[in-house]
């Protein structure tokens, strides 16, 4: 009995000592395995609530690498004035799972601000509405978190926020907010 236990111990030690280490190293880390599991490469998403109010926010995003994506976004919103924007963004995913999780983006774009001014005389009986539009390049930064839901990961839900700067000159920006907060709540299709 003792001999059998000793022989078994020696056999186990010998088998462990001669096991090749390459297959274990070839498996890679869990991060590498997770990164290469596929998943969607594109997302088309909109804010589903804004159209009910007459506004729009939407985005198309494409995975470029494991940690980088490119996005085209457009929006039509009202703060004090009406803001229409189109942006191209580069988004970094620090967890190296593009289109999923925490993302930080920088964007360049073009925006138009439409003002609606009312000019009234002293009595208020004679009012005229005046519409002016100012257009300029924009720069934005944002942070977001994106979930890919379902077994096929085809439903994308995103929340985030940031800031956008409109490069309108001082002489043309009378009363226009040139730095605005941005918020994002979108639901979309990932494929």
N, C-alpha and C. Protein backbone atom coordinates (compact mmCIF):
# COMPACT_ATOMS: atom_id res chain seq x y z
N UNK A 1 0.81 -1.18 0.00
CA UNK A 1 0.00 0.00 0.00
C UNK A 1 0.86 1.25 0.00
N UNK A 2 1.88 1.22 0.87
CA UNK A 2 2.79 2.35 0.92
C UNK A 2 3.55 2.49 -0.37
N UNK A 3 3.97 1.35 -0.93
CA UNK A 3 4.70 1.37 -2.20
C UNK A 3 3.84 1.94 -3.32
N UNK A 4 2.58 1.59 -3.34
CA UNK A 4 1.68 2.08 -4.39
C UNK A 4 1.51 3.59 -4.27
N UNK A 5 1.37 4.10 -3.06
CA UNK A 5 1.22 5.54 -2.85
C UNK A 5 2.49 6.27 -3.25
N UNK A 6 3.65 5.69 -2.89
CA UNK A 6 4.92 6.31 -3.26
C UNK A 6 5.11 6.29 -4.77
N UNK A 7 4.78 5.20 -5.43
CA UNK A 7 4.92 5.10 -6.88
C UNK A 7 3.99 6.10 -7.57
N UNK A 8 2.81 6.27 -7.03
CA UNK A 8 1.87 7.22 -7.61
C UNK A 8 2.38 8.65 -7.46
N UNK A 9 2.95 8.97 -6.30
CA UNK A 9 3.51 10.31 -6.07
C UNK A 9 4.66 10.59 -7.02
N UNK A 10 5.54 9.62 -7.21
CA UNK A 10 6.67 9.79 -8.12
C UNK A 10 6.17 9.97 -9.55
N UNK A 11 5.17 9.20 -9.94
CA UNK A 11 4.62 9.31 -11.30
C UNK A 11 3.99 10.69 -11.52
N UNK A 12 3.29 11.20 -10.52
CA UNK A 12 2.66 12.53 -10.65
C UNK A 12 3.72 13.62 -10.76
N UNK A 13 4.76 13.54 -9.94
CA UNK A 13 5.84 14.53 -10.00
C UNK A 13 6.54 14.48 -11.35
N UNK A 14 6.77 13.28 -11.85
CA UNK A 14 7.44 13.13 -13.14
C UNK A 14 6.57 13.69 -14.26
N UNK A 15 5.27 13.46 -14.20
CA UNK A 15 4.41 13.96 -15.27
C UNK A 15 4.34 15.49 -15.24
N UNK A 16 4.34 16.08 -14.06
CA UNK A 16 4.31 17.55 -13.97
C UNK A 16 5.64 18.13 -14.44
N UNK A 17 6.73 17.48 -14.13
CA UNK A 17 8.05 17.99 -14.52
C UNK A 17 8.25 17.97 -16.02
N UNK A 18 7.64 17.02 -16.71
CA UNK A 18 7.86 16.89 -18.15
C UNK A 18 6.72 17.44 -19.01
N UNK A 19 5.77 18.12 -18.40
CA UNK A 19 4.67 18.71 -19.19
C UNK A 19 5.23 19.91 -19.95
N UNK A 20 5.04 19.95 -21.25
CA UNK A 20 5.52 21.10 -22.01
C UNK A 20 4.77 22.38 -21.62
N UNK A 21 5.50 23.46 -21.51
CA UNK A 21 4.91 24.72 -21.07
C UNK A 21 4.33 25.54 -22.22
N UNK A 22 4.65 25.24 -23.45
CA UNK A 22 4.17 26.04 -24.59
C UNK A 22 2.65 26.08 -24.72
N UNK A 23 1.94 24.98 -24.58
CA UNK A 23 0.48 25.06 -24.74
C UNK A 23 -0.16 26.02 -23.73
N UNK A 24 0.38 26.07 -22.50
CA UNK A 24 -0.18 27.00 -21.53
C UNK A 24 0.10 28.44 -21.93
N UNK A 25 1.28 28.71 -22.41
CA UNK A 25 1.62 30.08 -22.82
C UNK A 25 0.86 30.48 -24.08
N UNK A 26 0.56 29.52 -24.94
CA UNK A 26 -0.14 29.83 -26.19
C UNK A 26 -1.58 30.25 -25.94
N UNK A 27 -2.14 29.89 -24.80
CA UNK A 27 -3.52 30.26 -24.52
C UNK A 27 -3.68 31.76 -24.30
N UNK A 28 -2.65 32.42 -23.83
CA UNK A 28 -2.72 33.86 -23.62
C UNK A 28 -3.52 34.20 -22.37
N UNK A 29 -3.57 35.48 -22.09
CA UNK A 29 -4.28 35.94 -20.91
C UNK A 29 -5.78 35.95 -21.17
N UNK A 30 -6.54 36.06 -20.11
CA UNK A 30 -7.99 36.15 -20.24
C UNK A 30 -8.37 37.40 -21.03
N UNK A 31 -7.65 38.50 -20.84
CA UNK A 31 -7.92 39.73 -21.59
C UNK A 31 -7.75 39.50 -23.09
N UNK A 32 -6.67 38.78 -23.49
CA UNK A 32 -6.45 38.51 -24.91
C UNK A 32 -7.56 37.62 -25.47
N UNK A 33 -7.96 36.62 -24.70
CA UNK A 33 -9.01 35.73 -25.17
C UNK A 33 -10.33 36.48 -25.32
N UNK A 34 -10.66 37.34 -24.37
CA UNK A 34 -11.91 38.10 -24.42
C UNK A 34 -11.90 39.10 -25.56
N UNK A 35 -10.76 39.72 -25.81
CA UNK A 35 -10.66 40.74 -26.84
C UNK A 35 -10.93 40.17 -28.22
N UNK A 36 -10.58 38.92 -28.46
CA UNK A 36 -10.69 38.35 -29.79
C UNK A 36 -11.95 37.52 -30.00
N UNK A 37 -12.94 37.67 -29.13
CA UNK A 37 -14.14 36.85 -29.24
C UNK A 37 -15.13 37.37 -30.26
N UNK A 38 -14.80 38.37 -30.99
CA UNK A 38 -15.73 38.87 -32.00
C UNK A 38 -16.70 39.85 -31.41
N UNK A 39 -17.91 39.78 -31.86
CA UNK A 39 -18.92 40.74 -31.43
C UNK A 39 -19.17 41.72 -32.55
N UNK A 40 -20.07 42.64 -32.32
CA UNK A 40 -20.43 43.59 -33.38
C UNK A 40 -19.30 44.54 -33.73
N UNK A 41 -19.31 45.01 -34.96
CA UNK A 41 -18.33 46.00 -35.43
C UNK A 41 -18.95 47.36 -35.71
N UNK A 42 -20.28 47.44 -35.71
CA UNK A 42 -20.98 48.69 -36.03
C UNK A 42 -22.14 48.89 -35.06
N UNK A 43 -22.46 50.15 -34.79
CA UNK A 43 -23.64 50.49 -34.01
C UNK A 43 -24.32 51.69 -34.65
N UNK A 44 -25.62 51.60 -34.82
CA UNK A 44 -26.44 52.73 -35.23
C UNK A 44 -27.40 52.99 -34.07
N UNK A 45 -27.38 54.22 -33.53
CA UNK A 45 -28.17 54.51 -32.34
C UNK A 45 -28.77 55.91 -32.39
N UNK A 46 -29.93 56.05 -31.76
CA UNK A 46 -30.56 57.36 -31.62
C UNK A 46 -31.09 57.51 -30.20
N UNK A 47 -31.36 58.75 -29.83
CA UNK A 47 -32.07 59.01 -28.59
C UNK A 47 -33.56 58.85 -28.91
N UNK A 48 -34.24 57.87 -28.32
CA UNK A 48 -35.63 57.61 -28.71
C UNK A 48 -36.64 58.62 -28.17
N UNK A 49 -36.23 59.47 -27.24
CA UNK A 49 -37.16 60.41 -26.63
C UNK A 49 -37.19 61.77 -27.32
N UNK A 50 -36.07 62.20 -27.88
CA UNK A 50 -36.00 63.53 -28.48
C UNK A 50 -36.94 63.73 -29.67
N UNK A 51 -37.14 62.75 -30.55
CA UNK A 51 -38.09 62.99 -31.65
C UNK A 51 -39.51 63.33 -31.17
N UNK A 52 -39.88 62.86 -29.99
CA UNK A 52 -41.19 63.20 -29.44
C UNK A 52 -41.29 64.69 -29.13
N UNK A 53 -40.15 65.35 -28.91
CA UNK A 53 -40.10 66.78 -28.60
C UNK A 53 -39.71 67.62 -29.81
N UNK A 54 -39.48 66.97 -30.95
CA UNK A 54 -39.12 67.70 -32.16
C UNK A 54 -37.63 67.86 -32.37
N UNK A 55 -36.81 67.13 -31.62
CA UNK A 55 -35.36 67.23 -31.72
C UNK A 55 -34.78 65.88 -32.14
N UNK A 56 -33.46 65.83 -32.33
CA UNK A 56 -32.82 64.60 -32.80
C UNK A 56 -31.40 64.49 -32.27
N UNK A 57 -30.99 63.27 -31.98
CA UNK A 57 -29.60 62.94 -31.64
C UNK A 57 -29.36 61.52 -32.10
N UNK A 58 -28.35 61.31 -32.94
CA UNK A 58 -28.05 59.98 -33.44
C UNK A 58 -26.57 59.81 -33.74
N UNK A 59 -26.15 58.55 -33.86
CA UNK A 59 -24.73 58.28 -34.09
C UNK A 59 -24.55 56.94 -34.80
N UNK A 60 -23.55 56.89 -35.66
CA UNK A 60 -23.06 55.65 -36.26
C UNK A 60 -21.63 55.46 -35.76
N UNK A 61 -21.33 54.28 -35.24
CA UNK A 61 -19.99 54.00 -34.70
C UNK A 61 -19.43 52.73 -35.33
N UNK A 62 -18.15 52.76 -35.67
CA UNK A 62 -17.47 51.63 -36.31
C UNK A 62 -16.19 51.30 -35.55
N UNK A 63 -16.03 50.03 -35.21
CA UNK A 63 -14.82 49.58 -34.51
C UNK A 63 -13.64 49.60 -35.49
N UNK A 64 -12.54 50.28 -35.12
CA UNK A 64 -11.33 50.29 -35.93
C UNK A 64 -10.31 49.27 -35.44
N UNK A 65 -10.13 49.23 -34.12
CA UNK A 65 -9.19 48.31 -33.48
C UNK A 65 -9.82 47.83 -32.19
N UNK A 66 -9.09 47.05 -31.42
CA UNK A 66 -9.63 46.51 -30.17
C UNK A 66 -9.96 47.60 -29.16
N UNK A 67 -9.29 48.76 -29.26
CA UNK A 67 -9.53 49.82 -28.28
C UNK A 67 -9.95 51.15 -28.90
N UNK A 68 -10.21 51.20 -30.21
CA UNK A 68 -10.52 52.47 -30.87
C UNK A 68 -11.70 52.30 -31.82
N UNK A 69 -12.56 53.32 -31.84
CA UNK A 69 -13.64 53.34 -32.82
C UNK A 69 -13.74 54.73 -33.44
N UNK A 70 -14.43 54.80 -34.56
CA UNK A 70 -14.70 56.05 -35.27
C UNK A 70 -16.21 56.23 -35.30
N UNK A 71 -16.67 57.45 -35.06
CA UNK A 71 -18.12 57.69 -35.03
C UNK A 71 -18.47 58.95 -35.81
N UNK A 72 -19.63 58.91 -36.44
CA UNK A 72 -20.25 60.08 -37.06
C UNK A 72 -21.53 60.35 -36.29
N UNK A 73 -21.69 61.58 -35.82
CA UNK A 73 -22.86 61.92 -35.00
C UNK A 73 -23.54 63.16 -35.54
N UNK A 74 -24.82 63.24 -35.31
CA UNK A 74 -25.58 64.41 -35.70
C UNK A 74 -26.63 64.72 -34.65
N UNK A 75 -26.95 66.00 -34.50
CA UNK A 75 -27.97 66.37 -33.53
C UNK A 75 -28.64 67.68 -33.92
N UNK A 76 -29.84 67.83 -33.44
CA UNK A 76 -30.61 69.06 -33.58
C UNK A 76 -31.29 69.27 -32.23
N UNK A 77 -30.86 70.31 -31.50
CA UNK A 77 -31.32 70.53 -30.14
C UNK A 77 -31.63 72.01 -29.93
N UNK A 78 -32.36 72.28 -28.86
CA UNK A 78 -32.62 73.66 -28.49
C UNK A 78 -32.16 73.88 -27.06
N UNK A 79 -31.38 74.92 -26.89
CA UNK A 79 -31.07 75.45 -25.57
C UNK A 79 -31.80 76.80 -25.53
N UNK A 80 -31.10 77.91 -25.55
CA UNK A 80 -31.78 79.19 -25.77
C UNK A 80 -32.01 79.39 -27.26
N UNK A 81 -31.09 78.87 -28.07
CA UNK A 81 -31.16 78.94 -29.53
C UNK A 81 -31.23 77.51 -30.06
N UNK A 82 -31.37 77.37 -31.37
CA UNK A 82 -31.42 76.04 -32.00
C UNK A 82 -30.02 75.68 -32.51
N UNK A 83 -29.52 74.51 -32.11
CA UNK A 83 -28.18 74.07 -32.47
C UNK A 83 -28.28 72.82 -33.35
N UNK A 84 -27.67 72.89 -34.53
CA UNK A 84 -27.59 71.76 -35.44
C UNK A 84 -26.12 71.40 -35.61
N UNK A 85 -25.77 70.13 -35.44
CA UNK A 85 -24.37 69.71 -35.45
C UNK A 85 -24.15 68.43 -36.23
N UNK A 86 -22.96 68.32 -36.79
CA UNK A 86 -22.46 67.06 -37.33
C UNK A 86 -21.01 66.94 -36.86
N UNK A 87 -20.65 65.77 -36.34
CA UNK A 87 -19.33 65.57 -35.75
C UNK A 87 -18.71 64.26 -36.21
N UNK A 88 -17.39 64.25 -36.32
CA UNK A 88 -16.60 63.04 -36.51
C UNK A 88 -15.80 62.85 -35.22
N UNK A 89 -15.88 61.66 -34.64
CA UNK A 89 -15.26 61.41 -33.33
C UNK A 89 -14.33 60.20 -33.39
N UNK A 90 -13.27 60.29 -32.63
CA UNK A 90 -12.41 59.14 -32.35
C UNK A 90 -12.65 58.79 -30.89
N UNK A 91 -13.01 57.53 -30.64
CA UNK A 91 -13.35 57.12 -29.29
C UNK A 91 -12.37 56.04 -28.83
N UNK A 92 -11.82 56.24 -27.65
CA UNK A 92 -10.87 55.30 -27.04
C UNK A 92 -11.59 54.50 -25.96
N UNK A 93 -11.42 53.20 -26.00
CA UNK A 93 -11.96 52.30 -24.99
C UNK A 93 -10.78 51.75 -24.20
N UNK A 94 -10.52 52.26 -22.98
CA UNK A 94 -9.33 51.85 -22.23
C UNK A 94 -9.34 50.37 -21.83
N UNK A 95 -10.49 49.73 -21.79
CA UNK A 95 -10.55 48.31 -21.44
C UNK A 95 -10.24 47.42 -22.64
N UNK A 96 -9.95 48.05 -23.80
CA UNK A 96 -9.61 47.35 -25.03
C UNK A 96 -10.71 46.41 -25.50
N UNK A 97 -11.95 46.86 -25.37
CA UNK A 97 -13.12 46.15 -25.88
C UNK A 97 -13.99 47.18 -26.59
N UNK A 98 -13.58 47.58 -27.78
CA UNK A 98 -14.26 48.66 -28.50
C UNK A 98 -15.74 48.36 -28.65
N UNK A 99 -16.53 49.40 -28.53
CA UNK A 99 -17.99 49.39 -28.59
C UNK A 99 -18.62 48.86 -27.31
N UNK A 100 -17.83 48.58 -26.30
CA UNK A 100 -18.38 48.01 -25.07
C UNK A 100 -17.67 48.62 -23.87
N UNK A 101 -18.42 49.13 -22.91
CA UNK A 101 -17.84 49.64 -21.68
C UNK A 101 -17.54 51.13 -21.74
N UNK A 102 -16.55 51.53 -20.95
CA UNK A 102 -16.17 52.93 -20.83
C UNK A 102 -15.48 53.41 -22.10
N UNK A 103 -15.90 54.56 -22.59
CA UNK A 103 -15.29 55.17 -23.77
C UNK A 103 -15.09 56.66 -23.58
N UNK A 104 -13.99 57.18 -24.12
CA UNK A 104 -13.70 58.62 -24.08
C UNK A 104 -13.44 59.07 -25.50
N UNK A 105 -14.07 60.19 -25.89
CA UNK A 105 -13.99 60.61 -27.29
C UNK A 105 -13.60 62.08 -27.41
N UNK A 106 -12.97 62.38 -28.53
CA UNK A 106 -12.72 63.76 -28.96
C UNK A 106 -13.31 63.88 -30.36
N UNK A 107 -13.95 65.00 -30.62
CA UNK A 107 -14.62 65.15 -31.90
C UNK A 107 -14.41 66.51 -32.53
N UNK A 108 -14.36 66.52 -33.85
CA UNK A 108 -14.34 67.75 -34.64
C UNK A 108 -15.60 67.76 -35.47
N UNK A 109 -16.17 68.94 -35.63
CA UNK A 109 -17.41 68.99 -36.39
C UNK A 109 -17.71 70.38 -36.90
N UNK A 110 -18.96 70.52 -37.30
CA UNK A 110 -19.44 71.79 -37.82
C UNK A 110 -20.84 71.99 -37.25
N UNK A 111 -21.09 73.19 -36.76
CA UNK A 111 -22.37 73.46 -36.15
C UNK A 111 -22.98 74.76 -36.64
N UNK A 112 -24.28 74.83 -36.59
CA UNK A 112 -25.02 76.04 -36.94
C UNK A 112 -25.92 76.40 -35.77
N UNK A 113 -25.95 77.68 -35.44
CA UNK A 113 -26.79 78.18 -34.37
C UNK A 113 -27.81 79.12 -34.99
N UNK A 114 -29.08 78.79 -34.81
CA UNK A 114 -30.15 79.64 -35.35
C UNK A 114 -30.81 80.40 -34.21
N UNK A 115 -30.82 81.70 -34.35
CA UNK A 115 -31.41 82.57 -33.33
C UNK A 115 -32.75 83.08 -33.82
N UNK A 116 -33.66 83.19 -32.92
CA UNK A 116 -34.98 83.72 -33.22
C UNK A 116 -35.18 84.94 -32.32
N UNK A 117 -35.05 86.12 -32.89
CA UNK A 117 -35.17 87.37 -32.13
C UNK A 117 -36.50 88.04 -32.43
N UNK A 118 -37.08 88.63 -31.43
CA UNK A 118 -38.30 89.41 -31.63
C UNK A 118 -37.99 90.87 -31.36
N UNK A 119 -38.32 91.70 -32.32
CA UNK A 119 -38.14 93.15 -32.18
C UNK A 119 -39.52 93.77 -32.03
N UNK A 120 -39.76 94.43 -30.91
CA UNK A 120 -41.07 95.03 -30.65
C UNK A 120 -40.90 96.52 -30.37
N UNK A 121 -41.92 97.29 -30.73
CA UNK A 121 -41.88 98.71 -30.38
C UNK A 121 -42.27 98.86 -28.92
N UNK A 122 -42.32 100.08 -28.44
CA UNK A 122 -42.57 100.33 -27.02
C UNK A 122 -43.92 99.81 -26.54
N UNK A 123 -44.92 99.91 -27.36
CA UNK A 123 -46.26 99.50 -26.96
C UNK A 123 -46.40 97.98 -27.06
N UNK A 124 -45.65 97.37 -27.94
CA UNK A 124 -45.72 95.93 -28.12
C UNK A 124 -46.74 95.51 -29.15
N UNK A 125 -47.33 96.48 -29.81
CA UNK A 125 -48.35 96.16 -30.80
C UNK A 125 -47.74 95.72 -32.12
N UNK A 126 -46.54 96.17 -32.41
CA UNK A 126 -45.92 95.87 -33.69
C UNK A 126 -44.62 95.09 -33.46
N UNK A 127 -44.68 93.77 -33.57
CA UNK A 127 -43.49 92.93 -33.34
C UNK A 127 -43.07 92.27 -34.64
N UNK A 128 -41.77 92.17 -34.83
CA UNK A 128 -41.20 91.49 -35.99
C UNK A 128 -40.24 90.41 -35.50
N UNK A 129 -40.33 89.25 -36.11
CA UNK A 129 -39.39 88.19 -35.78
C UNK A 129 -38.24 88.22 -36.77
N UNK A 130 -37.05 88.07 -36.25
CA UNK A 130 -35.84 88.10 -37.06
C UNK A 130 -35.07 86.80 -36.81
N UNK A 131 -34.77 86.06 -37.87
CA UNK A 131 -34.00 84.82 -37.75
C UNK A 131 -32.60 85.05 -38.27
N UNK A 132 -31.59 84.71 -37.47
CA UNK A 132 -30.20 84.77 -37.92
C UNK A 132 -29.56 83.42 -37.65
N UNK A 133 -28.61 83.06 -38.49
CA UNK A 133 -27.89 81.79 -38.33
C UNK A 133 -26.40 82.06 -38.39
N UNK A 134 -25.68 81.50 -37.43
CA UNK A 134 -24.22 81.56 -37.40
C UNK A 134 -23.69 80.14 -37.47
N UNK A 135 -22.71 79.91 -38.34
CA UNK A 135 -22.10 78.58 -38.50
C UNK A 135 -20.63 78.66 -38.15
N UNK A 136 -20.11 77.56 -37.59
CA UNK A 136 -18.71 77.55 -37.19
C UNK A 136 -18.23 76.12 -36.94
N UNK A 137 -16.91 75.91 -36.95
CA UNK A 137 -16.36 74.61 -36.55
C UNK A 137 -16.60 74.38 -35.06
N UNK A 138 -16.60 73.11 -34.67
CA UNK A 138 -16.79 72.75 -33.27
C UNK A 138 -15.73 71.74 -32.84
N UNK A 139 -15.51 71.70 -31.52
CA UNK A 139 -14.65 70.69 -30.91
C UNK A 139 -15.38 70.18 -29.69
N UNK A 140 -15.35 68.86 -29.47
CA UNK A 140 -16.05 68.29 -28.33
C UNK A 140 -15.22 67.20 -27.67
N UNK A 141 -15.47 67.01 -26.39
CA UNK A 141 -14.92 65.88 -25.63
C UNK A 141 -16.09 65.27 -24.86
N UNK A 142 -16.04 63.96 -24.70
CA UNK A 142 -17.14 63.29 -23.99
C UNK A 142 -16.66 62.00 -23.36
N UNK A 143 -17.37 61.59 -22.35
CA UNK A 143 -17.19 60.29 -21.73
C UNK A 143 -18.51 59.55 -21.80
N UNK A 144 -18.45 58.25 -21.92
CA UNK A 144 -19.68 57.46 -22.04
C UNK A 144 -19.47 56.07 -21.49
N UNK A 145 -20.57 55.38 -21.25
CA UNK A 145 -20.53 53.96 -20.95
C UNK A 145 -21.56 53.28 -21.83
N UNK A 146 -21.15 52.22 -22.50
CA UNK A 146 -22.02 51.55 -23.47
C UNK A 146 -22.16 50.07 -23.12
N UNK A 147 -23.41 49.61 -23.08
CA UNK A 147 -23.70 48.21 -22.84
C UNK A 147 -24.17 47.56 -24.13
N UNK A 148 -23.72 46.35 -24.39
CA UNK A 148 -24.23 45.54 -25.49
C UNK A 148 -25.02 44.41 -24.86
N UNK A 149 -26.33 44.42 -25.07
CA UNK A 149 -27.22 43.52 -24.35
C UNK A 149 -27.72 42.38 -25.23
N UNK A 150 -28.13 41.31 -24.59
CA UNK A 150 -28.67 40.15 -25.28
C UNK A 150 -27.60 39.13 -25.60
N UNK A 151 -28.02 37.93 -25.91
CA UNK A 151 -27.06 36.87 -26.21
C UNK A 151 -26.27 37.16 -27.48
N UNK A 152 -26.87 37.87 -28.42
CA UNK A 152 -26.15 38.23 -29.65
C UNK A 152 -25.49 39.60 -29.56
N UNK A 153 -25.61 40.26 -28.42
CA UNK A 153 -25.06 41.60 -28.20
C UNK A 153 -25.49 42.56 -29.30
N UNK A 154 -26.75 42.53 -29.67
CA UNK A 154 -27.21 43.37 -30.77
C UNK A 154 -27.98 44.61 -30.32
N UNK A 155 -28.20 44.77 -29.02
CA UNK A 155 -28.85 45.97 -28.51
C UNK A 155 -27.83 46.79 -27.75
N UNK A 156 -27.63 48.03 -28.19
CA UNK A 156 -26.66 48.93 -27.56
C UNK A 156 -27.41 50.00 -26.78
N UNK A 157 -27.03 50.19 -25.52
CA UNK A 157 -27.58 51.24 -24.67
C UNK A 157 -26.41 52.07 -24.17
N UNK A 158 -26.48 53.38 -24.37
CA UNK A 158 -25.35 54.25 -24.05
C UNK A 158 -25.81 55.46 -23.24
N UNK A 159 -25.03 55.79 -22.20
CA UNK A 159 -25.23 57.04 -21.47
C UNK A 159 -23.89 57.75 -21.41
N UNK A 160 -23.93 59.07 -21.41
CA UNK A 160 -22.68 59.81 -21.34
C UNK A 160 -22.91 61.31 -21.32
N UNK A 161 -21.81 62.02 -21.26
CA UNK A 161 -21.88 63.47 -21.26
C UNK A 161 -20.53 64.07 -21.58
N UNK A 162 -20.54 65.37 -21.85
CA UNK A 162 -19.29 66.05 -22.18
C UNK A 162 -19.53 67.53 -22.37
N UNK A 163 -18.69 68.13 -23.22
CA UNK A 163 -18.79 69.56 -23.49
C UNK A 163 -18.41 69.81 -24.95
N UNK A 164 -19.06 70.81 -25.54
CA UNK A 164 -18.80 71.17 -26.94
C UNK A 164 -18.53 72.66 -27.03
N UNK A 165 -17.53 73.01 -27.83
CA UNK A 165 -17.14 74.41 -28.05
C UNK A 165 -17.44 74.79 -29.50
N UNK A 166 -18.14 75.90 -29.69
CA UNK A 166 -18.41 76.47 -31.01
C UNK A 166 -17.42 77.61 -31.23
N UNK A 167 -16.67 77.55 -32.32
CA UNK A 167 -15.66 78.56 -32.60
C UNK A 167 -16.27 79.69 -33.44
N UNK A 168 -17.20 80.41 -32.82
CA UNK A 168 -17.83 81.57 -33.43
C UNK A 168 -17.08 82.80 -32.93
N UNK A 169 -16.75 83.70 -33.83
CA UNK A 169 -15.98 84.88 -33.44
C UNK A 169 -16.78 85.77 -32.49
N UNK A 170 -16.06 86.58 -31.72
CA UNK A 170 -16.70 87.45 -30.74
C UNK A 170 -17.70 88.41 -31.37
N UNK A 171 -17.36 88.95 -32.53
CA UNK A 171 -18.26 89.94 -33.14
C UNK A 171 -19.54 89.30 -33.70
N UNK A 172 -19.55 87.99 -33.94
CA UNK A 172 -20.75 87.32 -34.45
C UNK A 172 -21.50 86.54 -33.38
N UNK A 173 -20.98 86.48 -32.18
CA UNK A 173 -21.56 85.59 -31.17
C UNK A 173 -22.38 86.32 -30.12
N UNK A 174 -22.84 87.49 -30.39
CA UNK A 174 -23.59 88.28 -29.42
C UNK A 174 -24.77 87.47 -28.85
N UNK A 175 -24.66 87.09 -27.61
CA UNK A 175 -25.73 86.35 -26.94
C UNK A 175 -25.77 84.86 -27.20
N UNK A 176 -24.88 84.33 -28.03
CA UNK A 176 -24.87 82.90 -28.34
C UNK A 176 -23.96 82.18 -27.34
N UNK A 177 -24.46 81.10 -26.78
CA UNK A 177 -23.63 80.27 -25.90
C UNK A 177 -22.66 79.48 -26.77
N UNK A 178 -21.36 79.72 -26.57
CA UNK A 178 -20.36 79.05 -27.40
C UNK A 178 -19.81 77.79 -26.78
N UNK A 179 -20.02 77.58 -25.50
CA UNK A 179 -19.61 76.35 -24.81
C UNK A 179 -20.86 75.77 -24.17
N UNK A 180 -21.19 74.55 -24.57
CA UNK A 180 -22.42 73.91 -24.08
C UNK A 180 -22.13 72.52 -23.53
N UNK A 181 -22.88 72.11 -22.51
CA UNK A 181 -22.78 70.72 -22.06
C UNK A 181 -23.46 69.81 -23.07
N UNK A 182 -22.98 68.58 -23.15
CA UNK A 182 -23.63 67.58 -24.00
C UNK A 182 -24.03 66.40 -23.13
N UNK A 183 -25.15 65.81 -23.46
CA UNK A 183 -25.61 64.61 -22.76
C UNK A 183 -26.00 63.58 -23.82
N UNK A 184 -25.85 62.34 -23.45
CA UNK A 184 -26.14 61.28 -24.41
C UNK A 184 -26.91 60.16 -23.72
N UNK A 185 -28.03 59.81 -24.30
CA UNK A 185 -28.78 58.62 -23.93
C UNK A 185 -29.29 58.05 -25.25
N UNK A 186 -28.68 56.98 -25.71
CA UNK A 186 -29.08 56.41 -26.99
C UNK A 186 -29.34 54.91 -26.85
N UNK A 187 -30.21 54.45 -27.72
CA UNK A 187 -30.50 53.02 -27.83
C UNK A 187 -30.35 52.68 -29.31
N UNK A 188 -29.66 51.59 -29.58
CA UNK A 188 -29.41 51.29 -30.98
C UNK A 188 -29.22 49.83 -31.29
N UNK A 189 -28.88 49.60 -32.54
CA UNK A 189 -28.69 48.25 -33.07
C UNK A 189 -27.20 48.04 -33.36
N UNK A 190 -26.65 46.97 -32.81
CA UNK A 190 -25.24 46.61 -33.02
C UNK A 190 -25.18 45.42 -33.97
N UNK A 191 -24.31 45.51 -34.96
CA UNK A 191 -24.18 44.42 -35.94
C UNK A 191 -22.75 44.28 -36.40
